[in-house]
Amino acid sequence: MSPLWLKSLPWSTILSNAPLIVEGARKLAALVKSKPADEGLSHGADTFEGDPVLELAALRARVQRLEEELHQASGLVRTMAESQAQMAQMVEALRRRTRLSIRIAAISLVGLVTLLLWTLVR
């Protein structure tokens, strides 16, 4: 496979979006790695048993943390969706360029064959 198509990629756009994708992936990985350890150690079922005020405060803190995680996850999904849309636009542009190149090549081939036949007949 020819590496010529690599020259037509908009590397500046890809490289400018790469840090966002890497950062989002790191956040997601950290969130997934830390979640089971935090929940198992900090909030056991019998930690606040019998004290409704402490239970309510713990539940509020947990809801707050879940809302923050949801906000972070939605930001990550939004960033990834924007990157996906940009990549789709790039692929569409490459597809159009490829079609144009194939058409130009076909026209050139027809012209070359016509010229070759014309010189042989003459």
PDB file of N, CA and C in Angstrom:
ATOM      1  N   MET A   1       0.832  -1.173   0.000  1.00  0.00           N
ATOM      2  CA  MET A   1       0.000   0.000   0.000  1.00  0.00           C
ATOM      3  C   MET A   1       0.881   1.241   0.000  1.00  0.00           C
ATOM      4  N   SER A   2       0.581   2.150  -0.830  1.00  0.00           N
ATOM      5  CA  SER A   2       1.397   3.339  -1.008  1.00  0.00           C
ATOM      6  C   SER A   2       1.191   4.340   0.126  1.00  0.00           C
ATOM      7  N   PRO A   3       2.285   4.897   0.654  1.00  0.00           N
ATOM      8  CA  PRO A   3       2.152   5.892   1.723  1.00  0.00           C
ATOM      9  C   PRO A   3       1.847   7.297   1.203  1.00  0.00           C
ATOM     10  N   LEU A   4       1.514   7.432  -0.075  1.00  0.00           N
ATOM     11  CA  LEU A   4       1.230   8.750  -0.625  1.00  0.00           C
ATOM     12  C   LEU A   4      -0.009   9.388  -0.009  1.00  0.00           C
ATOM     13  N   TRP A   5      -0.984   8.594   0.398  1.00  0.00           N
ATOM     14  CA  TRP A   5      -2.192   9.156   0.991  1.00  0.00           C
ATOM     15  C   TRP A   5      -1.896   9.825   2.320  1.00  0.00           C
ATOM     16  N   LEU A   6      -0.773   9.463   2.955  1.00  0.00           N
ATOM     17  CA  LEU A   6      -0.406  10.094   4.223  1.00  0.00           C
ATOM     18  C   LEU A   6      -0.069  11.568   4.048  1.00  0.00           C
ATOM     19  N   LYS A   7       0.396  11.927   2.855  1.00  0.00           N
ATOM     20  CA  LYS A   7       0.744  13.321   2.597  1.00  0.00           C
ATOM     21  C   LYS A   7      -0.485  14.211   2.536  1.00  0.00           C
ATOM     22  N   SER A   8      -1.625  13.649   2.147  1.00  0.00           N
ATOM     23  CA  SER A   8      -2.825  14.461   1.989  1.00  0.00           C
ATOM     24  C   SER A   8      -3.600  14.645   3.286  1.00  0.00           C
ATOM     25  N   LEU A   9      -3.198  13.967   4.353  1.00  0.00           N
ATOM     26  CA  LEU A   9      -3.894  14.130   5.634  1.00  0.00           C
ATOM     27  C   LEU A   9      -3.573  15.491   6.248  1.00  0.00           C
ATOM     28  N   PRO A  10      -4.552  16.133   6.868  1.00  0.00           N
ATOM     29  CA  PRO A  10      -4.301  17.411   7.546  1.00  0.00           C
ATOM     30  C   PRO A  10      -3.656  17.169   8.910  1.00  0.00           C
ATOM     31  N   TRP A  11      -2.343  16.965   8.894  1.00  0.00           N
ATOM     32  CA  TRP A  11      -1.638  16.597  10.110  1.00  0.00           C
ATOM     33  C   TRP A  11      -1.734  17.665  11.183  1.00  0.00           C
ATOM     34  N   SER A  12      -1.813  18.925  10.799  1.00  0.00           N
ATOM     35  CA  SER A  12      -1.901  19.980  11.816  1.00  0.00           C
ATOM     36  C   SER A  12      -3.185  19.836  12.631  1.00  0.00           C
ATOM     37  N   THR A  13      -4.289  19.507  11.976  1.00  0.00           N
ATOM     38  CA  THR A  13      -5.556  19.321  12.692  1.00  0.00           C
ATOM     39  C   THR A  13      -5.507  18.078  13.568  1.00  0.00           C
ATOM     40  N   ILE A  14      -4.966  17.014  13.034  1.00  0.00           N
ATOM     41  CA  ILE A  14      -4.887  15.768  13.797  1.00  0.00           C
ATOM     42  C   ILE A  14      -4.001  15.955  15.021  1.00  0.00           C
ATOM     43  N   LEU A  15      -2.854  16.579  14.843  1.00  0.00           N
ATOM     44  CA  LEU A  15      -1.939  16.774  15.960  1.00  0.00           C
ATOM     45  C   LEU A  15      -2.469  17.774  16.974  1.00  0.00           C
ATOM     46  N   SER A  16      -3.243  18.764  16.517  1.00  0.00           N
ATOM     47  CA  SER A  16      -3.786  19.727  17.470  1.00  0.00           C
ATOM     48  C   SER A  16      -4.883  19.110  18.328  1.00  0.00           C
ATOM     49  N   ASN A  17      -5.593  18.108  17.818  1.00  0.00           N
ATOM     50  CA  ASN A  17      -6.648  17.444  18.591  1.00  0.00           C
ATOM     51  C   ASN A  17      -6.134  16.251  19.390  1.00  0.00           C
ATOM     52  N   ALA A  18      -4.948  15.792  19.112  1.00  0.00           N
ATOM     53  CA  ALA A  18      -4.417  14.620  19.802  1.00  0.00           C
ATOM     54  C   ALA A  18      -4.303  14.819  21.313  1.00  0.00           C
ATOM     55  N   PRO A  19      -3.840  15.954  21.815  1.00  0.00           N
ATOM     56  CA  PRO A  19      -3.773  16.110  23.271  1.00  0.00           C
ATOM     57  C   PRO A  19      -5.136  16.009  23.952  1.00  0.00           C
ATOM     58  N   LEU A  20      -6.178  16.515  23.309  1.00  0.00           N
ATOM     59  CA  LEU A  20      -7.518  16.418  23.898  1.00  0.00           C
ATOM     60  C   LEU A  20      -7.962  14.969  24.010  1.00  0.00           C
ATOM     61  N   ILE A  21      -7.694  14.197  22.979  1.00  0.00           N
ATOM     62  CA  ILE A  21      -8.081  12.791  22.989  1.00  0.00           C
ATOM     63  C   ILE A  21      -7.285  12.027  24.040  1.00  0.00           C
ATOM     64  N   VAL A  22      -5.999  12.282  24.113  1.00  0.00           N
ATOM     65  CA  VAL A  22      -5.156  11.593  25.099  1.00  0.00           C
ATOM     66  C   VAL A  22      -5.572  11.975  26.514  1.00  0.00           C
ATOM     67  N   GLU A  23      -5.831  13.251  26.741  1.00  0.00           N
ATOM     68  CA  GLU A  23      -6.246  13.707  28.073  1.00  0.00           C
ATOM     69  C   GLU A  23      -7.583  13.078  28.472  1.00  0.00           C
ATOM     70  N   GLY A  24      -8.513  13.040  27.538  1.00  0.00           N
ATOM     71  CA  GLY A  24      -9.797  12.413  27.827  1.00  0.00           C
ATOM     72  C   GLY A  24      -9.656  10.936  28.133  1.00  0.00           C
ATOM     73  N   ALA A  25      -8.809  10.257  27.390  1.00  0.00           N
ATOM     74  CA  ALA A  25      -8.590   8.833  27.639  1.00  0.00           C
ATOM     75  C   ALA A  25      -7.948   8.610  29.002  1.00  0.00           C
ATOM     76  N   ARG A  26      -7.009   9.480  29.380  1.00  0.00           N
ATOM     77  CA  ARG A  26      -6.386   9.355  30.703  1.00  0.00           C
ATOM     78  C   ARG A  26      -7.397   9.588  31.817  1.00  0.00           C
ATOM     79  N   LYS A  27      -8.255  10.596  31.652  1.00  0.00           N
ATOM     80  CA  LYS A  27      -9.275  10.864  32.668  1.00  0.00           C
ATOM     81  C   LYS A  27     -10.218   9.675  32.809  1.00  0.00           C
ATOM     82  N   LEU A  28     -10.627   9.131  31.681  1.00  0.00           N
ATOM     83  CA  LEU A  28     -11.531   7.992  31.712  1.00  0.00           C
ATOM     84  C   LEU A  28     -10.867   6.793  32.366  1.00  0.00           C
ATOM     85  N   ALA A  29      -9.606   6.538  32.037  1.00  0.00           N
ATOM     86  CA  ALA A  29      -8.888   5.411  32.634  1.00  0.00           C
ATOM     87  C   ALA A  29      -8.721   5.622  34.140  1.00  0.00           C
ATOM     88  N   ALA A  30      -8.396   6.845  34.555  1.00  0.00           N
ATOM     89  CA  ALA A  30      -8.241   7.122  35.985  1.00  0.00           C
ATOM     90  C   ALA A  30      -9.563   6.967  36.714  1.00  0.00           C
ATOM     91  N   LEU A  31     -10.638   7.395  36.085  1.00  0.00           N
ATOM     92  CA  LEU A  31     -11.966   7.280  36.689  1.00  0.00           C
ATOM     93  C   LEU A  31     -12.348   5.815  36.860  1.00  0.00           C
ATOM     94  N   VAL A  32     -12.080   5.018  35.850  1.00  0.00           N
ATOM     95  CA  VAL A  32     -12.428   3.604  35.916  1.00  0.00           C
ATOM     96  C   VAL A  32     -11.547   2.872  36.921  1.00  0.00           C
ATOM     97  N   LYS A  33     -10.258   3.206  36.976  1.00  0.00           N
ATOM     98  CA  LYS A  33      -9.348   2.526  37.897  1.00  0.00           C
ATOM     99  C   LYS A  33      -9.634   2.881  39.355  1.00  0.00           C
ATOM    100  N   SER A  34      -9.937   4.139  39.633  1.00  0.00           N
ATOM    101  CA  SER A  34     -10.095   4.573  41.017  1.00  0.00           C
ATOM    102  C   SER A  34     -11.483   4.301  41.574  1.00  0.00           C
ATOM    103  N   LYS A  35     -12.456   4.119  40.749  1.00  0.00           N
ATOM    104  CA  LYS A  35     -13.840   3.986  41.216  1.00  0.00           C
ATOM    105  C   LYS A  35     -14.059   2.775  42.126  1.00  0.00           C
ATOM    106  N   PRO A  36     -13.696   1.549  41.760  1.00  0.00           N
ATOM    107  CA  PRO A  36     -13.960   0.412  42.646  1.00  0.00           C
ATOM    108  C   PRO A  36     -13.206   0.510  43.974  1.00  0.00           C
ATOM    109  N   ALA A  37     -11.989   0.998  43.967  1.00  0.00           N
ATOM    110  CA  ALA A  37     -11.205   1.095  45.194  1.00  0.00           C
ATOM    111  C   ALA A  37     -11.815   2.120  46.146  1.00  0.00           C
ATOM    112  N   ASP A  38     -12.247   3.257  45.636  1.00  0.00           N
ATOM    113  CA  ASP A  38     -12.837   4.294  46.477  1.00  0.00           C
ATOM    114  C   ASP A  38     -14.143   3.832  47.101  1.00  0.00           C
ATOM    115  N   GLU A  39     -15.008   3.219  46.338  1.00  0.00           N
ATOM    116  CA  GLU A  39     -16.314   2.825  46.840  1.00  0.00           C
ATOM    117  C   GLU A  39     -16.204   1.700  47.868  1.00  0.00           C
ATOM    118  N   GLY A  40     -15.300   0.795  47.674  1.00  0.00           N
ATOM    119  CA  GLY A  40     -15.173  -0.326  48.595  1.00  0.00           C
ATOM    120  C   GLY A  40     -14.575   0.070  49.929  1.00  0.00           C
ATOM    121  N   LEU A  41     -13.675   1.050  49.960  1.00  0.00           N
ATOM    122  CA  LEU A  41     -12.985   1.405  51.182  1.00  0.00           C
ATOM    123  C   LEU A  41     -13.665   2.514  51.969  1.00  0.00           C
ATOM    124  N   SER A  42     -14.177   3.532  51.311  1.00  0.00           N
ATOM    125  CA  SER A  42     -14.630   4.708  52.041  1.00  0.00           C
ATOM    126  C   SER A  42     -16.054   4.621  52.534  1.00  0.00           C
ATOM    127  N   HIS A  43     -16.918   3.903  51.849  1.00  0.00           N
ATOM    128  CA  HIS A  43     -18.322   3.874  52.233  1.00  0.00           C
ATOM    129  C   HIS A  43     -18.824   2.439  52.343  1.00  0.00           C
ATOM    130  N   GLY A  44     -18.616   1.841  53.528  1.00  0.00           N
ATOM    131  CA  GLY A  44     -19.145   0.509  53.749  1.00  0.00           C
ATOM    132  C   GLY A  44     -20.613   0.607  54.134  1.00  0.00           C
ATOM    133  N   ALA A  45     -21.297  -0.513  54.133  1.00  0.00           N
ATOM    134  CA  ALA A  45     -22.721  -0.512  54.442  1.00  0.00           C
ATOM    135  C   ALA A  45     -22.984  -0.172  55.904  1.00  0.00           C
ATOM    136  N   ASP A  46     -22.039  -0.511  56.806  1.00  0.00           N
ATOM    137  CA  ASP A  46     -22.271  -0.289  58.226  1.00  0.00           C
ATOM    138  C   ASP A  46     -21.486   0.896  58.781  1.00  0.00           C
ATOM    139  N   THR A  47     -20.924   1.755  57.943  1.00  0.00           N
ATOM    140  CA  THR A  47     -20.106   2.860  58.413  1.00  0.00           C
ATOM    141  C   THR A  47     -20.917   3.853  59.233  1.00  0.00           C
ATOM    142  N   PHE A  48     -22.084   4.251  58.760  1.00  0.00           N
ATOM    143  CA  PHE A  48     -22.886   5.271  59.428  1.00  0.00           C
ATOM    144  C   PHE A  48     -24.205   4.694  59.966  1.00  0.00           C
ATOM    145  N   GLU A  49     -24.204   3.452  60.283  1.00  0.00           N
ATOM    146  CA  GLU A  49     -25.431   2.801  60.700  1.00  0.00           C
ATOM    147  C   GLU A  49     -25.947   3.398  62.014  1.00  0.00           C
ATOM    148  N   GLY A  50     -27.196   3.819  61.974  1.00  0.00           N
ATOM    149  CA  GLY A  50     -27.814   4.341  63.181  1.00  0.00           C
ATOM    150  C   GLY A  50     -27.803   5.849  63.290  1.00  0.00           C
ATOM    151  N   ASP A  51     -26.961   6.556  62.559  1.00  0.00           N
ATOM    152  CA  ASP A  51     -26.911   8.019  62.642  1.00  0.00           C
ATOM    153  C   ASP A  51     -27.426   8.607  61.333  1.00  0.00           C
ATOM    154  N   PRO A  52     -28.690   9.052  61.293  1.00  0.00           N
ATOM    155  CA  PRO A  52     -29.264   9.557  60.047  1.00  0.00           C
ATOM    156  C   PRO A  52     -28.585  10.813  59.521  1.00  0.00           C
ATOM    157  N   VAL A  53     -28.069  11.651  60.403  1.00  0.00           N
ATOM    158  CA  VAL A  53     -27.412  12.889  59.962  1.00  0.00           C
ATOM    159  C   VAL A  53     -26.130  12.558  59.197  1.00  0.00           C
ATOM    160  N   LEU A  54     -25.350  11.625  59.729  1.00  0.00           N
ATOM    161  CA  LEU A  54     -24.112  11.229  59.047  1.00  0.00           C
ATOM    162  C   LEU A  54     -24.420  10.502  57.739  1.00  0.00           C
ATOM    163  N   GLU A  55     -25.462   9.670  57.761  1.00  0.00           N
ATOM    164  CA  GLU A  55     -25.850   8.975  56.535  1.00  0.00           C
ATOM    165  C   GLU A  55     -26.283   9.953  55.456  1.00  0.00           C
ATOM    166  N   LEU A  56     -27.073  10.953  55.847  1.00  0.00           N
ATOM    167  CA  LEU A  56     -27.534  11.956  54.898  1.00  0.00           C
ATOM    168  C   LEU A  56     -26.360  12.760  54.333  1.00  0.00           C
ATOM    169  N   ALA A  57     -25.421  13.133  55.189  1.00  0.00           N
ATOM    170  CA  ALA A  57     -24.246  13.881  54.730  1.00  0.00           C
ATOM    171  C   ALA A  57     -23.409  13.041  53.777  1.00  0.00           C
ATOM    172  N   ALA A  58     -23.261  11.753  54.098  1.00  0.00           N
ATOM    173  CA  ALA A  58     -22.490  10.857  53.228  1.00  0.00           C
ATOM    174  C   ALA A  58     -23.186  10.686  51.882  1.00  0.00           C
ATOM    175  N   LEU A  59     -24.500  10.554  51.920  1.00  0.00           N
ATOM    176  CA  LEU A  59     -25.244  10.410  50.674  1.00  0.00           C
ATOM    177  C   LEU A  59     -25.160  11.678  49.825  1.00  0.00           C
ATOM    178  N   ARG A  60     -25.245  12.828  50.463  1.00  0.00           N
ATOM    179  CA  ARG A  60     -25.113  14.088  49.723  1.00  0.00           C
ATOM    180  C   ARG A  60     -23.732  14.211  49.087  1.00  0.00           C
ATOM    181  N   ALA A  61     -22.710  13.842  49.834  1.00  0.00           N
ATOM    182  CA  ALA A  61     -21.348  13.902  49.286  1.00  0.00           C
ATOM    183  C   ALA A  61     -21.201  12.941  48.113  1.00  0.00           C
ATOM    184  N   ARG A  62     -21.808  11.767  48.267  1.00  0.00           N
ATOM    185  CA  ARG A  62     -21.718  10.787  47.188  1.00  0.00           C
ATOM    186  C   ARG A  62     -22.466  11.253  45.946  1.00  0.00           C
ATOM    187  N   VAL A  63     -23.653  11.855  46.118  1.00  0.00           N
ATOM    188  CA  VAL A  63     -24.406  12.396  44.983  1.00  0.00           C
ATOM    189  C   VAL A  63     -23.607  13.518  44.321  1.00  0.00           C
ATOM    190  N   GLN A  64     -22.993  14.364  45.129  1.00  0.00           N
ATOM    191  CA  GLN A  64     -22.164  15.457  44.585  1.00  0.00           C
ATOM    192  C   GLN A  64     -21.032  14.893  43.727  1.00  0.00           C
ATOM    193  N   ARG A  65     -20.353  13.858  44.252  1.00  0.00           N
ATOM    194  CA  ARG A  65     -19.237  13.245  43.510  1.00  0.00           C
ATOM    195  C   ARG A  65     -19.732  12.603  42.218  1.00  0.00           C
ATOM    196  N   LEU A  66     -20.894  11.949  42.294  1.00  0.00           N
ATOM    197  CA  LEU A  66     -21.449  11.327  41.088  1.00  0.00           C
ATOM    198  C   LEU A  66     -21.835  12.377  40.046  1.00  0.00           C
ATOM    199  N   GLU A  67     -22.371  13.502  40.479  1.00  0.00           N
ATOM    200  CA  GLU A  67     -22.699  14.578  39.548  1.00  0.00           C
ATOM    201  C   GLU A  67     -21.442  15.141  38.887  1.00  0.00           C
ATOM    202  N   GLU A  68     -20.374  15.282  39.667  1.00  0.00           N
ATOM    203  CA  GLU A  68     -19.106  15.760  39.098  1.00  0.00           C
ATOM    204  C   GLU A  68     -18.565  14.766  38.079  1.00  0.00           C
ATOM    205  N   GLU A  69     -18.637  13.475  38.407  1.00  0.00           N
ATOM    206  CA  GLU A  69     -18.167  12.454  37.474  1.00  0.00           C
ATOM    207  C   GLU A  69     -19.015  12.445  36.204  1.00  0.00           C
ATOM    208  N   LEU A  70     -20.325  12.635  36.376  1.00  0.00           N
ATOM    209  CA  LEU A  70     -21.210  12.692  35.221  1.00  0.00           C
ATOM    210  C   LEU A  70     -20.868  13.892  34.341  1.00  0.00           C
ATOM    211  N   HIS A  71     -20.582  15.022  34.969  1.00  0.00           N
ATOM    212  CA  HIS A  71     -20.209  16.217  34.209  1.00  0.00           C
ATOM    213  C   HIS A  71     -18.896  15.993  33.456  1.00  0.00           C
ATOM    214  N   GLN A  72     -17.926  15.379  34.120  1.00  0.00           N
ATOM    215  CA  GLN A  72     -16.644  15.085  33.463  1.00  0.00           C
ATOM    216  C   GLN A  72     -16.840  14.110  32.313  1.00  0.00           C
ATOM    217  N   ALA A  73     -17.648  13.090  32.526  1.00  0.00           N
ATOM    218  CA  ALA A  73     -17.888  12.096  31.472  1.00  0.00           C
ATOM    219  C   ALA A  73     -18.608  12.723  30.286  1.00  0.00           C
ATOM    220  N   SER A  74     -19.561  13.615  30.563  1.00  0.00           N
ATOM    221  CA  SER A  74     -20.264  14.258  29.448  1.00  0.00           C
ATOM    222  C   SER A  74     -19.324  15.177  28.671  1.00  0.00           C
ATOM    223  N   GLY A  75     -18.411  15.849  29.366  1.00  0.00           N
ATOM    224  CA  GLY A  75     -17.412  16.663  28.671  1.00  0.00           C
ATOM    225  C   GLY A  75     -16.501  15.811  27.807  1.00  0.00           C
ATOM    226  N   LEU A  76     -16.124  14.667  28.330  1.00  0.00           N
ATOM    227  CA  LEU A  76     -15.277  13.751  27.569  1.00  0.00           C
ATOM    228  C   LEU A  76     -16.004  13.232  26.341  1.00  0.00           C
ATOM    229  N   VAL A  77     -17.264  12.865  26.509  1.00  0.00           N
ATOM    230  CA  VAL A  77     -18.048  12.376  25.372  1.00  0.00           C
ATOM    231  C   VAL A  77     -18.216  13.478  24.328  1.00  0.00           C
ATOM    232  N   ARG A  78     -18.454  14.705  24.773  1.00  0.00           N
ATOM    233  CA  ARG A  78     -18.595  15.830  23.847  1.00  0.00           C
ATOM    234  C   ARG A  78     -17.299  16.051  23.064  1.00  0.00           C
ATOM    235  N   THR A  79     -16.167  16.014  23.754  1.00  0.00           N
ATOM    236  CA  THR A  79     -14.879  16.196  23.084  1.00  0.00           C
ATOM    237  C   THR A  79     -14.620  15.084  22.077  1.00  0.00           C
ATOM    238  N   MET A  80     -14.931  13.859  22.469  1.00  0.00           N
ATOM    239  CA  MET A  80     -14.715  12.740  21.555  1.00  0.00           C
ATOM    240  C   MET A  80     -15.663  12.813  20.361  1.00  0.00           C
ATOM    241  N   ALA A  81     -16.879  13.271  20.580  1.00  0.00           N
ATOM    242  CA  ALA A  81     -17.824  13.424  19.469  1.00  0.00           C
ATOM    243  C   ALA A  81     -17.359  14.492  18.490  1.00  0.00           C
ATOM    244  N   GLU A  82     -16.815  15.584  19.021  1.00  0.00           N
ATOM    245  CA  GLU A  82     -16.289  16.630  18.142  1.00  0.00           C
ATOM    246  C   GLU A  82     -15.112  16.103  17.332  1.00  0.00           C
ATOM    247  N   SER A  83     -14.235  15.346  17.980  1.00  0.00           N
ATOM    248  CA  SER A  83     -13.099  14.754  17.262  1.00  0.00           C
ATOM    249  C   SER A  83     -13.583  13.781  16.199  1.00  0.00           C
ATOM    250  N   GLN A  84     -14.589  12.990  16.543  1.00  0.00           N
ATOM    251  CA  GLN A  84     -15.149  12.047  15.580  1.00  0.00           C
ATOM    252  C   GLN A  84     -15.734  12.776  14.380  1.00  0.00           C
ATOM    253  N   ALA A  85     -16.426  13.889  14.632  1.00  0.00           N
ATOM    254  CA  ALA A  85     -17.016  14.659  13.531  1.00  0.00           C
ATOM    255  C   ALA A  85     -15.931  15.237  12.635  1.00  0.00           C
ATOM    256  N   GLN A  86     -14.852  15.730  13.237  1.00  0.00           N
ATOM    257  CA  GLN A  86     -13.753  16.266  12.433  1.00  0.00           C
ATOM    258  C   GLN A  86     -13.100  15.173  11.607  1.00  0.00           C
ATOM    259  N   MET A  87     -12.922  13.998  12.196  1.00  0.00           N
ATOM    260  CA  MET A  87     -12.323  12.900  11.447  1.00  0.00           C
ATOM    261  C   MET A  87     -13.241  12.459  10.310  1.00  0.00           C
ATOM    262  N   ALA A  88     -14.540  12.467  10.544  1.00  0.00           N
ATOM    263  CA  ALA A  88     -15.486  12.103   9.481  1.00  0.00           C
ATOM    264  C   ALA A  88     -15.412  13.105   8.335  1.00  0.00           C
ATOM    265  N   GLN A  89     -15.272  14.375   8.654  1.00  0.00           N
ATOM    266  CA  GLN A  89     -15.132  15.387   7.611  1.00  0.00           C
ATOM    267  C   GLN A  89     -13.843  15.177   6.820  1.00  0.00           C
ATOM    268  N   MET A  90     -12.769  14.818   7.520  1.00  0.00           N
ATOM    269  CA  MET A  90     -11.499  14.562   6.839  1.00  0.00           C
ATOM    270  C   MET A  90     -11.612  13.353   5.911  1.00  0.00           C
ATOM    271  N   VAL A  91     -12.262  12.301   6.391  1.00  0.00           N
ATOM    272  CA  VAL A  91     -12.430  11.099   5.567  1.00  0.00           C
ATOM    273  C   VAL A  91     -13.275  11.420   4.337  1.00  0.00           C
ATOM    274  N   GLU A  92     -14.316  12.231   4.502  1.00  0.00           N
ATOM    275  CA  GLU A  92     -15.154  12.624   3.374  1.00  0.00           C
ATOM    276  C   GLU A  92     -14.342  13.423   2.349  1.00  0.00           C
ATOM    277  N   ALA A  93     -13.506  14.340   2.827  1.00  0.00           N
ATOM    278  CA  ALA A  93     -12.662  15.117   1.917  1.00  0.00           C
ATOM    279  C   ALA A  93     -11.685  14.209   1.167  1.00  0.00           C
ATOM    280  N   LEU A  94     -11.116  13.243   1.875  1.00  0.00           N
ATOM    281  CA  LEU A  94     -10.207  12.293   1.214  1.00  0.00           C
ATOM    282  C   LEU A  94     -10.943  11.438   0.194  1.00  0.00           C
ATOM    283  N   ARG A  95     -12.171  11.061   0.512  1.00  0.00           N
ATOM    284  CA  ARG A  95     -12.964  10.273  -0.435  1.00  0.00           C
ATOM    285  C   ARG A  95     -13.231  11.063  -1.712  1.00  0.00           C
ATOM    286  N   ARG A  96     -13.568  12.358  -1.539  1.00  0.00           N
ATOM    287  CA  ARG A  96     -13.806  13.202  -2.718  1.00  0.00           C
ATOM    288  C   ARG A  96     -12.530  13.364  -3.541  1.00  0.00           C
ATOM    289  N   ARG A  97     -11.405  13.542  -2.864  1.00  0.00           N
ATOM    290  CA  ARG A  97     -10.128  13.677  -3.585  1.00  0.00           C
ATOM    291  C   ARG A  97      -9.798  12.399  -4.344  1.00  0.00           C
ATOM    292  N   THR A  98     -10.066  11.268  -3.726  1.00  0.00           N
ATOM    293  CA  THR A  98      -9.790   9.989  -4.378  1.00  0.00           C
ATOM    294  C   THR A  98     -10.647   9.815  -5.626  1.00  0.00           C
ATOM    295  N   ARG A  99     -11.930  10.152  -5.507  1.00  0.00           N
ATOM    296  CA  ARG A  99     -12.811  10.062  -6.682  1.00  0.00           C
ATOM    297  C   ARG A  99     -12.324  10.962  -7.804  1.00  0.00           C
ATOM    298  N   LEU A 100     -11.916  12.185  -7.457  1.00  0.00           N
ATOM    299  CA  LEU A 100     -11.416  13.109  -8.462  1.00  0.00           C
ATOM    300  C   LEU A 100     -10.139  12.564  -9.101  1.00  0.00           C
ATOM    301  N   SER A 101      -9.256  12.018  -8.296  1.00  0.00           N
ATOM    302  CA  SER A 101      -8.010  11.453  -8.829  1.00  0.00           C
ATOM    303  C   SER A 101      -8.281  10.281  -9.758  1.00  0.00           C
ATOM    304  N   ILE A 102      -9.241   9.442  -9.404  1.00  0.00           N
ATOM    305  CA  ILE A 102      -9.579   8.305 -10.270  1.00  0.00           C
ATOM    306  C   ILE A 102     -10.147   8.795 -11.591  1.00  0.00           C
ATOM    307  N   ARG A 103     -11.003   9.806 -11.527  1.00  0.00           N
ATOM    308  CA  ARG A 103     -11.571  10.355 -12.761  1.00  0.00           C
ATOM    309  C   ARG A 103     -10.483  10.967 -13.646  1.00  0.00           C
ATOM    310  N   ILE A 104      -9.584  11.711 -13.047  1.00  0.00           N
ATOM    311  CA  ILE A 104      -8.490  12.318 -13.821  1.00  0.00           C
ATOM    312  C   ILE A 104      -7.616  11.227 -14.436  1.00  0.00           C
ATOM    313  N   ALA A 105      -7.343  10.171 -13.662  1.00  0.00           N
ATOM    314  CA  ALA A 105      -6.528   9.076 -14.182  1.00  0.00           C
ATOM    315  C   ALA A 105      -7.233   8.378 -15.343  1.00  0.00           C
ATOM    316  N   ALA A 106      -8.542   8.167 -15.234  1.00  0.00           N
ATOM    317  CA  ALA A 106      -9.296   7.511 -16.305  1.00  0.00           C
ATOM    318  C   ALA A 106      -9.313   8.376 -17.566  1.00  0.00           C
ATOM    319  N   ILE A 107      -9.530   9.668 -17.402  1.00  0.00           N
ATOM    320  CA  ILE A 107      -9.526  10.579 -18.548  1.00  0.00           C
ATOM    321  C   ILE A 107      -8.149  10.610 -19.198  1.00  0.00           C
ATOM    322  N   SER A 108      -7.109  10.621 -18.354  1.00  0.00           N
ATOM    323  CA  SER A 108      -5.747  10.612 -18.891  1.00  0.00           C
ATOM    324  C   SER A 108      -5.455   9.329 -19.652  1.00  0.00           C
ATOM    325  N   LEU A 109      -5.930   8.216 -19.140  1.00  0.00           N
ATOM    326  CA  LEU A 109      -5.718   6.937 -19.808  1.00  0.00           C
ATOM    327  C   LEU A 109      -6.435   6.900 -21.157  1.00  0.00           C
ATOM    328  N   VAL A 110      -7.670   7.385 -21.187  1.00  0.00           N
ATOM    329  CA  VAL A 110      -8.417   7.444 -22.449  1.00  0.00           C
ATOM    330  C   VAL A 110      -7.700   8.352 -23.437  1.00  0.00           C
ATOM    331  N   GLY A 111      -7.220   9.480 -22.955  1.00  0.00           N
ATOM    332  CA  GLY A 111      -6.482  10.396 -23.830  1.00  0.00           C
ATOM    333  C   GLY A 111      -5.200   9.775 -24.352  1.00  0.00           C
ATOM    334  N   LEU A 112      -4.490   9.069 -23.501  1.00  0.00           N
ATOM    335  CA  LEU A 112      -3.244   8.419 -23.916  1.00  0.00           C
ATOM    336  C   LEU A 112      -3.516   7.331 -24.943  1.00  0.00           C
ATOM    337  N   VAL A 113      -4.543   6.521 -24.721  1.00  0.00           N
ATOM    338  CA  VAL A 113      -4.885   5.469 -25.681  1.00  0.00           C
ATOM    339  C   VAL A 113      -5.302   6.098 -27.004  1.00  0.00           C
ATOM    340  N   THR A 114      -6.090   7.165 -26.960  1.00  0.00           N
ATOM    341  CA  THR A 114      -6.519   7.861 -28.182  1.00  0.00           C
ATOM    342  C   THR A 114      -5.310   8.411 -28.934  1.00  0.00           C
ATOM    343  N   LEU A 115      -4.397   9.032 -28.212  1.00  0.00           N
ATOM    344  CA  LEU A 115      -3.192   9.580 -28.841  1.00  0.00           C
ATOM    345  C   LEU A 115      -2.340   8.467 -29.450  1.00  0.00           C
ATOM    346  N   LEU A 116      -2.227   7.350 -28.745  1.00  0.00           N
ATOM    347  CA  LEU A 116      -1.453   6.230 -29.244  1.00  0.00           C
ATOM    348  C   LEU A 116      -2.077   5.643 -30.505  1.00  0.00           C
ATOM    349  N   LEU A 117      -3.396   5.472 -30.505  1.00  0.00           N
ATOM    350  CA  LEU A 117      -4.082   4.972 -31.710  1.00  0.00           C
ATOM    351  C   LEU A 117      -3.956   5.961 -32.869  1.00  0.00           C
ATOM    352  N   TRP A 118      -4.061   7.230 -32.577  1.00  0.00           N
ATOM    353  CA  TRP A 118      -3.971   8.253 -33.622  1.00  0.00           C
ATOM    354  C   TRP A 118      -2.594   8.242 -34.272  1.00  0.00           C
ATOM    355  N   THR A 119      -1.528   8.065 -33.445  1.00  0.00           N
ATOM    356  CA  THR A 119      -0.179   8.028 -34.030  1.00  0.00           C
ATOM    357  C   THR A 119       0.062   6.730 -34.811  1.00  0.00           C
ATOM    358  N   LEU A 120      -0.543   5.627 -34.399  1.00  0.00           N
ATOM    359  CA  LEU A 120      -0.381   4.365 -35.129  1.00  0.00           C
ATOM    360  C   LEU A 120      -1.131   4.385 -36.458  1.00  0.00           C
ATOM    361  N   VAL A 121      -2.303   5.015 -36.485  1.00  0.00           N
ATOM    362  CA  VAL A 121      -3.104   5.076 -37.690  1.00  0.00           C
ATOM    363  C   VAL A 121      -2.450   6.030 -38.685  1.00  0.00           C
ATOM    364  N   ARG A 122      -1.900   7.049 -38.285  1.00  0.00           N
ATOM    365  CA  ARG A 122      -1.309   8.059 -39.146  1.00  0.00           C
ATOM    366  C   ARG A 122      -0.067   7.583 -39.747  1.00  0.00           C
TER     367      ARG A 122
END
